[in-house]
Amino acid sequence: MATNSRPRKASGSTPLGDFFTPGRITALLLSVLVLIFIFENTRSTRIRLLIPEVTMPLWVALLATGLIGLFLGMYLTHRRR
């Protein structure tokens, strides 16, 4: 007799139940919050960094600051290992 090597799914399990994992739900919610943040902060702002002054949307300035912080944090934690 041939045996089925595929694992059985639990009763009530649906393809959508396998797709919506906690990590994917969290990523989806964060993506929606980021889009709301971007659309609420589209006005331009002046930023002065030592001598030059630039005008850019507020969300770009905050995103750049966040990315710089993220990369510095990753660099410092990687260096300690």
PDB file of N, CA and C in Angstrom:
ATOM      1  N   MET A   1       0.813  -1.175   0.000  1.00  0.00           N
ATOM      2  CA  MET A   1       0.000   0.000   0.000  1.00  0.00           C
ATOM      3  C   MET A   1       0.864   1.250   0.000  1.00  0.00           C
ATOM      4  N   ALA A   2       0.494   2.204  -0.800  1.00  0.00           N
ATOM      5  CA  ALA A   2       1.250   3.457  -0.875  1.00  0.00           C
ATOM      6  C   ALA A   2       0.801   4.379   0.244  1.00  0.00           C
ATOM      7  N   THR A   3       1.765   5.038   0.835  1.00  0.00           N
ATOM      8  CA  THR A   3       1.416   5.993   1.892  1.00  0.00           C
ATOM      9  C   THR A   3       1.524   7.401   1.342  1.00  0.00           C
ATOM     10  N   ASN A   4       0.710   8.256   1.869  1.00  0.00           N
ATOM     11  CA  ASN A   4       0.716   9.654   1.453  1.00  0.00           C
ATOM     12  C   ASN A   4       1.762  10.378   2.289  1.00  0.00           C
ATOM     13  N   SER A   5       2.767  10.945   1.648  1.00  0.00           N
ATOM     14  CA  SER A   5       3.852  11.597   2.377  1.00  0.00           C
ATOM     15  C   SER A   5       3.537  13.050   2.715  1.00  0.00           C
ATOM     16  N   ARG A   6       2.446  13.580   2.172  1.00  0.00           N
ATOM     17  CA  ARG A   6       2.088  14.961   2.485  1.00  0.00           C
ATOM     18  C   ARG A   6       1.471  15.039   3.871  1.00  0.00           C
ATOM     19  N   PRO A   7       1.876  16.031   4.666  1.00  0.00           N
ATOM     20  CA  PRO A   7       1.269  16.163   5.998  1.00  0.00           C
ATOM     21  C   PRO A   7      -0.177  16.608   5.878  1.00  0.00           C
ATOM     22  N   ARG A   8      -0.972  16.143   6.802  1.00  0.00           N
ATOM     23  CA  ARG A   8      -2.388  16.498   6.795  1.00  0.00           C
ATOM     24  C   ARG A   8      -2.584  17.855   7.462  1.00  0.00           C
ATOM     25  N   LYS A   9      -3.507  18.603   6.922  1.00  0.00           N
ATOM     26  CA  LYS A   9      -3.841  19.893   7.512  1.00  0.00           C
ATOM     27  C   LYS A   9      -4.838  19.679   8.643  1.00  0.00           C
ATOM     28  N   ALA A  10      -4.770  20.557   9.616  1.00  0.00           N
ATOM     29  CA  ALA A  10      -5.725  20.486  10.710  1.00  0.00           C
ATOM     30  C   ALA A  10      -7.108  20.829  10.184  1.00  0.00           C
ATOM     31  N   SER A  11      -8.107  20.279  10.820  1.00  0.00           N
ATOM     32  CA  SER A  11      -9.466  20.558  10.363  1.00  0.00           C
ATOM     33  C   SER A  11      -9.763  22.036  10.538  1.00  0.00           C
ATOM     34  N   GLY A  12     -10.437  22.603   9.564  1.00  0.00           N
ATOM     35  CA  GLY A  12     -10.767  24.021   9.611  1.00  0.00           C
ATOM     36  C   GLY A  12      -9.672  24.910   9.055  1.00  0.00           C
ATOM     37  N   SER A  13      -8.548  24.346   8.665  1.00  0.00           N
ATOM     38  CA  SER A  13      -7.462  25.137   8.101  1.00  0.00           C
ATOM     39  C   SER A  13      -7.804  25.496   6.660  1.00  0.00           C
ATOM     40  N   THR A  14      -7.612  26.752   6.320  1.00  0.00           N
ATOM     41  CA  THR A  14      -7.916  27.220   4.979  1.00  0.00           C
ATOM     42  C   THR A  14      -6.650  27.771   4.352  1.00  0.00           C
ATOM     43  N   PRO A  15      -6.634  27.892   3.030  1.00  0.00           N
ATOM     44  CA  PRO A  15      -5.454  28.496   2.397  1.00  0.00           C
ATOM     45  C   PRO A  15      -5.192  29.913   2.898  1.00  0.00           C
ATOM     46  N   LEU A  16      -6.244  30.675   3.186  1.00  0.00           N
ATOM     47  CA  LEU A  16      -6.042  32.033   3.701  1.00  0.00           C
ATOM     48  C   LEU A  16      -5.490  32.003   5.121  1.00  0.00           C
ATOM     49  N   GLY A  17      -5.842  30.994   5.886  1.00  0.00           N
ATOM     50  CA  GLY A  17      -5.309  30.863   7.237  1.00  0.00           C
ATOM     51  C   GLY A  17      -3.812  30.644   7.220  1.00  0.00           C
ATOM     52  N   ASP A  18      -3.321  29.946   6.201  1.00  0.00           N
ATOM     53  CA  ASP A  18      -1.884  29.736   6.064  1.00  0.00           C
ATOM     54  C   ASP A  18      -1.181  30.985   5.557  1.00  0.00           C
ATOM     55  N   PHE A  19      -1.885  31.812   4.809  1.00  0.00           N
ATOM     56  CA  PHE A  19      -1.291  33.019   4.241  1.00  0.00           C
ATOM     57  C   PHE A  19      -1.158  34.123   5.280  1.00  0.00           C
ATOM     58  N   PHE A  20      -2.172  34.314   6.122  1.00  0.00           N
ATOM     59  CA  PHE A  20      -2.168  35.401   7.100  1.00  0.00           C
ATOM     60  C   PHE A  20      -1.504  34.950   8.394  1.00  0.00           C
ATOM     61  N   THR A  21      -0.188  34.983   8.399  1.00  0.00           N
ATOM     62  CA  THR A  21       0.572  34.666   9.605  1.00  0.00           C
ATOM     63  C   THR A  21       0.688  35.941  10.446  1.00  0.00           C
ATOM     64  N   PRO A  22       1.012  35.823  11.725  1.00  0.00           N
ATOM     65  CA  PRO A  22       1.167  37.024  12.555  1.00  0.00           C
ATOM     66  C   PRO A  22       2.205  38.000  12.002  1.00  0.00           C
ATOM     67  N   GLY A  23       3.287  37.492  11.441  1.00  0.00           N
ATOM     68  CA  GLY A  23       4.307  38.369  10.867  1.00  0.00           C
ATOM     69  C   GLY A  23       3.796  39.135   9.662  1.00  0.00           C
ATOM     70  N   ARG A  24       3.023  38.476   8.807  1.00  0.00           N
ATOM     71  CA  ARG A  24       2.473  39.148   7.624  1.00  0.00           C
ATOM     72  C   ARG A  24       1.408  40.161   8.007  1.00  0.00           C
ATOM     73  N   ILE A  25       0.613  39.851   9.005  1.00  0.00           N
ATOM     74  CA  ILE A  25      -0.401  40.805   9.468  1.00  0.00           C
ATOM     75  C   ILE A  25       0.283  42.042  10.038  1.00  0.00           C
ATOM     76  N   THR A  26       1.349  41.845  10.811  1.00  0.00           N
ATOM     77  CA  THR A  26       2.094  42.973  11.375  1.00  0.00           C
ATOM     78  C   THR A  26       2.709  43.820  10.268  1.00  0.00           C
ATOM     79  N   ALA A  27       3.299  43.176   9.268  1.00  0.00           N
ATOM     80  CA  ALA A  27       3.902  43.919   8.147  1.00  0.00           C
ATOM     81  C   ALA A  27       2.841  44.688   7.375  1.00  0.00           C
ATOM     82  N   LEU A  28       1.672  44.093   7.185  1.00  0.00           N
ATOM     83  CA  LEU A  28       0.584  44.768   6.482  1.00  0.00           C
ATOM     84  C   LEU A  28       0.100  45.990   7.265  1.00  0.00           C
ATOM     85  N   LEU A  29      -0.064  45.848   8.566  1.00  0.00           N
ATOM     86  CA  LEU A  29      -0.498  46.984   9.395  1.00  0.00           C
ATOM     87  C   LEU A  29       0.543  48.100   9.396  1.00  0.00           C
ATOM     88  N   LEU A  30       1.814  47.737   9.492  1.00  0.00           N
ATOM     89  CA  LEU A  30       2.862  48.758   9.457  1.00  0.00           C
ATOM     90  C   LEU A  30       2.905  49.463   8.107  1.00  0.00           C
ATOM     91  N   SER A  31       2.679  48.725   7.030  1.00  0.00           N
ATOM     92  CA  SER A  31       2.653  49.336   5.699  1.00  0.00           C
ATOM     93  C   SER A  31       1.515  50.332   5.573  1.00  0.00           C
ATOM     94  N   VAL A  32       0.360  49.989   6.106  1.00  0.00           N
ATOM     95  CA  VAL A  32      -0.782  50.903   6.060  1.00  0.00           C
ATOM     96  C   VAL A  32      -0.490  52.153   6.888  1.00  0.00           C
ATOM     97  N   LEU A  33       0.105  51.976   8.071  1.00  0.00           N
ATOM     98  CA  LEU A  33       0.449  53.135   8.904  1.00  0.00           C
ATOM     99  C   LEU A  33       1.479  54.037   8.221  1.00  0.00           C
ATOM    100  N   VAL A  34       2.448  53.452   7.530  1.00  0.00           N
ATOM    101  CA  VAL A  34       3.459  54.240   6.811  1.00  0.00           C
ATOM    102  C   VAL A  34       2.788  55.037   5.691  1.00  0.00           C
ATOM    103  N   LEU A  35       1.876  54.413   4.955  1.00  0.00           N
ATOM    104  CA  LEU A  35       1.176  55.138   3.884  1.00  0.00           C
ATOM    105  C   LEU A  35       0.342  56.288   4.437  1.00  0.00           C
ATOM    106  N   ILE A  36      -0.344  56.068   5.546  1.00  0.00           N
ATOM    107  CA  ILE A  36      -1.116  57.150   6.172  1.00  0.00           C
ATOM    108  C   ILE A  36      -0.177  58.281   6.585  1.00  0.00           C
ATOM    109  N   PHE A  37       0.964  57.935   7.181  1.00  0.00           N
ATOM    110  CA  PHE A  37       1.936  58.933   7.611  1.00  0.00           C
ATOM    111  C   PHE A  37       2.440  59.749   6.426  1.00  0.00           C
ATOM    112  N   ILE A  38       2.724  59.088   5.313  1.00  0.00           N
ATOM    113  CA  ILE A  38       3.228  59.785   4.128  1.00  0.00           C
ATOM    114  C   ILE A  38       2.185  60.749   3.591  1.00  0.00           C
ATOM    115  N   PHE A  39       0.935  60.301   3.462  1.00  0.00           N
ATOM    116  CA  PHE A  39      -0.102  61.160   2.891  1.00  0.00           C
ATOM    117  C   PHE A  39      -0.495  62.307   3.815  1.00  0.00           C
ATOM    118  N   GLU A  40      -0.261  62.170   5.107  1.00  0.00           N
ATOM    119  CA  GLU A  40      -0.559  63.250   6.042  1.00  0.00           C
ATOM    120  C   GLU A  40       0.571  64.272   6.127  1.00  0.00           C
ATOM    121  N   ASN A  41       1.771  63.933   5.705  1.00  0.00           N
ATOM    122  CA  ASN A  41       2.936  64.816   5.838  1.00  0.00           C
ATOM    123  C   ASN A  41       3.566  65.117   4.488  1.00  0.00           C
ATOM    124  N   THR A  42       2.774  65.624   3.566  1.00  0.00           N
ATOM    125  CA  THR A  42       3.299  65.909   2.232  1.00  0.00           C
ATOM    126  C   THR A  42       3.784  67.342   2.076  1.00  0.00           C
ATOM    127  N   ARG A  43       3.521  68.202   3.027  1.00  0.00           N
ATOM    128  CA  ARG A  43       3.954  69.598   2.871  1.00  0.00           C
ATOM    129  C   ARG A  43       5.478  69.689   2.954  1.00  0.00           C
ATOM    130  N   SER A  44       6.014  70.692   2.304  1.00  0.00           N
ATOM    131  CA  SER A  44       7.467  70.873   2.283  1.00  0.00           C
ATOM    132  C   SER A  44       7.925  71.607   3.528  1.00  0.00           C
ATOM    133  N   THR A  45       9.134  71.323   3.921  1.00  0.00           N
ATOM    134  CA  THR A  45       9.727  71.987   5.068  1.00  0.00           C
ATOM    135  C   THR A  45      11.170  72.333   4.745  1.00  0.00           C
ATOM    136  N   ARG A  46      11.659  73.393   5.365  1.00  0.00           N
ATOM    137  CA  ARG A  46      13.048  73.808   5.151  1.00  0.00           C
ATOM    138  C   ARG A  46      13.920  73.152   6.208  1.00  0.00           C
ATOM    139  N   ILE A  47      15.032  72.603   5.770  1.00  0.00           N
ATOM    140  CA  ILE A  47      15.961  71.944   6.679  1.00  0.00           C
ATOM    141  C   ILE A  47      17.337  72.544   6.446  1.00  0.00           C
ATOM    142  N   ARG A  48      17.960  72.951   7.541  1.00  0.00           N
ATOM    143  CA  ARG A  48      19.295  73.539   7.446  1.00  0.00           C
ATOM    144  C   ARG A  48      20.280  72.612   8.131  1.00  0.00           C
ATOM    145  N   LEU A  49      21.283  72.177   7.376  1.00  0.00           N
ATOM    146  CA  LEU A  49      22.314  71.301   7.905  1.00  0.00           C
ATOM    147  C   LEU A  49      23.646  72.028   7.773  1.00  0.00           C
ATOM    148  N   LEU A  50      24.082  72.607   8.850  1.00  0.00           N
ATOM    149  CA  LEU A  50      25.264  73.457   8.917  1.00  0.00           C
ATOM    150  C   LEU A  50      25.108  74.667   7.993  1.00  0.00           C
ATOM    151  N   ILE A  51      25.524  74.602   6.753  1.00  0.00           N
ATOM    152  CA  ILE A  51      25.436  75.772   5.891  1.00  0.00           C
ATOM    153  C   ILE A  51      24.306  75.658   4.861  1.00  0.00           C
ATOM    154  N   PRO A  52      24.192  74.559   4.100  1.00  0.00           N
ATOM    155  CA  PRO A  52      23.152  74.543   3.056  1.00  0.00           C
ATOM    156  C   PRO A  52      21.751  74.409   3.654  1.00  0.00           C
ATOM    157  N   GLU A  53      20.807  74.988   2.956  1.00  0.00           N
ATOM    158  CA  GLU A  53      19.401  74.869   3.349  1.00  0.00           C
ATOM    159  C   GLU A  53      18.650  74.220   2.196  1.00  0.00           C
ATOM    160  N   VAL A  54      17.933  73.148   2.498  1.00  0.00           N
ATOM    161  CA  VAL A  54      17.184  72.432   1.472  1.00  0.00           C
ATOM    162  C   VAL A  54      15.709  72.424   1.846  1.00  0.00           C
ATOM    163  N   THR A  55      14.871  72.317   0.837  1.00  0.00           N
ATOM    164  CA  THR A  55      13.431  72.195   1.038  1.00  0.00           C
ATOM    165  C   THR A  55      13.007  70.839   0.503  1.00  0.00           C
ATOM    166  N   MET A  56      12.321  70.087   1.360  1.00  0.00           N
ATOM    167  CA  MET A  56      11.862  68.763   0.970  1.00  0.00           C
ATOM    168  C   MET A  56      10.603  68.415   1.751  1.00  0.00           C
ATOM    169  N   PRO A  57       9.844  67.436   1.279  1.00  0.00           N
ATOM    170  CA  PRO A  57       8.671  67.006   2.045  1.00  0.00           C
ATOM    171  C   PRO A  57       9.088  66.482   3.422  1.00  0.00           C
ATOM    172  N   LEU A  58       8.252  66.731   4.389  1.00  0.00           N
ATOM    173  CA  LEU A  58       8.560  66.329   5.761  1.00  0.00           C
ATOM    174  C   LEU A  58       8.763  64.826   5.869  1.00  0.00           C
ATOM    175  N   TRP A  59       7.953  64.042   5.165  1.00  0.00           N
ATOM    176  CA  TRP A  59       8.081  62.587   5.284  1.00  0.00           C
ATOM    177  C   TRP A  59       9.417  62.090   4.758  1.00  0.00           C
ATOM    178  N   VAL A  60       9.995  62.768   3.759  1.00  0.00           N
ATOM    179  CA  VAL A  60      11.302  62.366   3.239  1.00  0.00           C
ATOM    180  C   VAL A  60      12.378  62.618   4.284  1.00  0.00           C
ATOM    181  N   ALA A  61      12.289  63.769   4.950  1.00  0.00           N
ATOM    182  CA  ALA A  61      13.270  64.091   5.985  1.00  0.00           C
ATOM    183  C   ALA A  61      13.195  63.100   7.140  1.00  0.00           C
ATOM    184  N   LEU A  62      11.983  62.766   7.567  1.00  0.00           N
ATOM    185  CA  LEU A  62      11.831  61.822   8.671  1.00  0.00           C
ATOM    186  C   LEU A  62      12.242  60.409   8.261  1.00  0.00           C
ATOM    187  N   LEU A  63      11.934  60.023   7.026  1.00  0.00           N
ATOM    188  CA  LEU A  63      12.341  58.708   6.538  1.00  0.00           C
ATOM    189  C   LEU A  63      13.861  58.607   6.472  1.00  0.00           C
ATOM    190  N   ALA A  64      14.514  59.649   5.983  1.00  0.00           N
ATOM    191  CA  ALA A  64      15.978  59.647   5.906  1.00  0.00           C
ATOM    192  C   ALA A  64      16.590  59.543   7.303  1.00  0.00           C
ATOM    193  N   THR A  65      16.032  60.270   8.254  1.00  0.00           N
ATOM    194  CA  THR A  65      16.533  60.215   9.626  1.00  0.00           C
ATOM    195  C   THR A  65      16.345  58.821  10.212  1.00  0.00           C
ATOM    196  N   GLY A  66      15.190  58.230   9.968  1.00  0.00           N
ATOM    197  CA  GLY A  66      14.932  56.881  10.468  1.00  0.00           C
ATOM    198  C   GLY A  66      15.851  55.844   9.849  1.00  0.00           C
ATOM    199  N   LEU A  67      16.102  55.966   8.546  1.00  0.00           N
ATOM    200  CA  LEU A  67      16.993  55.011   7.882  1.00  0.00           C
ATOM    201  C   LEU A  67      18.428  55.152   8.374  1.00  0.00           C
ATOM    202  N   ILE A  68      18.867  56.384   8.601  1.00  0.00           N
ATOM    203  CA  ILE A  68      20.215  56.591   9.141  1.00  0.00           C
ATOM    204  C   ILE A  68      20.320  55.944  10.524  1.00  0.00           C
ATOM    205  N   GLY A  69      19.314  56.129  11.349  1.00  0.00           N
ATOM    206  CA  GLY A  69      19.303  55.503  12.672  1.00  0.00           C
ATOM    207  C   GLY A  69      19.275  53.992  12.598  1.00  0.00           C
ATOM    208  N   LEU A  70      18.495  53.451  11.666  1.00  0.00           N
ATOM    209  CA  LEU A  70      18.419  52.003  11.494  1.00  0.00           C
ATOM    210  C   LEU A  70      19.777  51.428  11.091  1.00  0.00           C
ATOM    211  N   PHE A  71      20.420  52.055  10.096  1.00  0.00           N
ATOM    212  CA  PHE A  71      21.706  51.550   9.632  1.00  0.00           C
ATOM    213  C   PHE A  71      22.796  51.695  10.690  1.00  0.00           C
ATOM    214  N   LEU A  72      22.783  52.791  11.442  1.00  0.00           N
ATOM    215  CA  LEU A  72      23.761  52.942  12.521  1.00  0.00           C
ATOM    216  C   LEU A  72      23.543  51.890  13.601  1.00  0.00           C
ATOM    217  N   GLY A  73      22.286  51.635  13.941  1.00  0.00           N
ATOM    218  CA  GLY A  73      21.989  50.600  14.929  1.00  0.00           C
ATOM    219  C   GLY A  73      22.418  49.227  14.465  1.00  0.00           C
ATOM    220  N   MET A  74      22.172  48.916  13.196  1.00  0.00           N
ATOM    221  CA  MET A  74      22.592  47.624  12.651  1.00  0.00           C
ATOM    222  C   MET A  74      24.111  47.510  12.647  1.00  0.00           C
ATOM    223  N   TYR A  75      24.783  48.590  12.282  1.00  0.00           N
ATOM    224  CA  TYR A  75      26.249  48.587  12.235  1.00  0.00           C
ATOM    225  C   TYR A  75      26.836  48.375  13.630  1.00  0.00           C
ATOM    226  N   LEU A  76      26.306  49.091  14.606  1.00  0.00           N
ATOM    227  CA  LEU A  76      26.865  48.990  15.958  1.00  0.00           C
ATOM    228  C   LEU A  76      26.579  47.636  16.587  1.00  0.00           C
ATOM    229  N   THR A  77      25.400  47.068  16.363  1.00  0.00           N
ATOM    230  CA  THR A  77      25.118  45.751  16.943  1.00  0.00           C
ATOM    231  C   THR A  77      25.903  44.668  16.222  1.00  0.00           C
ATOM    232  N   HIS A  78      26.144  44.820  14.924  1.00  0.00           N
ATOM    233  CA  HIS A  78      26.939  43.821  14.182  1.00  0.00           C
ATOM    234  C   HIS A  78      28.396  43.871  14.603  1.00  0.00           C
ATOM    235  N   ARG A  79      28.870  45.065  14.898  1.00  0.00           N
ATOM    236  CA  ARG A  79      30.262  45.222  15.280  1.00  0.00           C
ATOM    237  C   ARG A  79      30.577  44.616  16.638  1.00  0.00           C
ATOM    238  N   ARG A  80      29.587  44.575  17.530  1.00  0.00           N
ATOM    239  CA  ARG A  80      29.810  44.042  18.874  1.00  0.00           C
ATOM    240  C   ARG A  80      29.918  42.530  18.887  1.00  0.00           C
ATOM    241  N   ARG A  81      29.414  41.862  17.875  1.00  0.00           N
ATOM    242  CA  ARG A  81      29.441  40.390  17.870  1.00  0.00           C
ATOM    243  C   ARG A  81      30.782  39.847  17.586  1.00  0.00           C
TER     244      ARG A  81
END
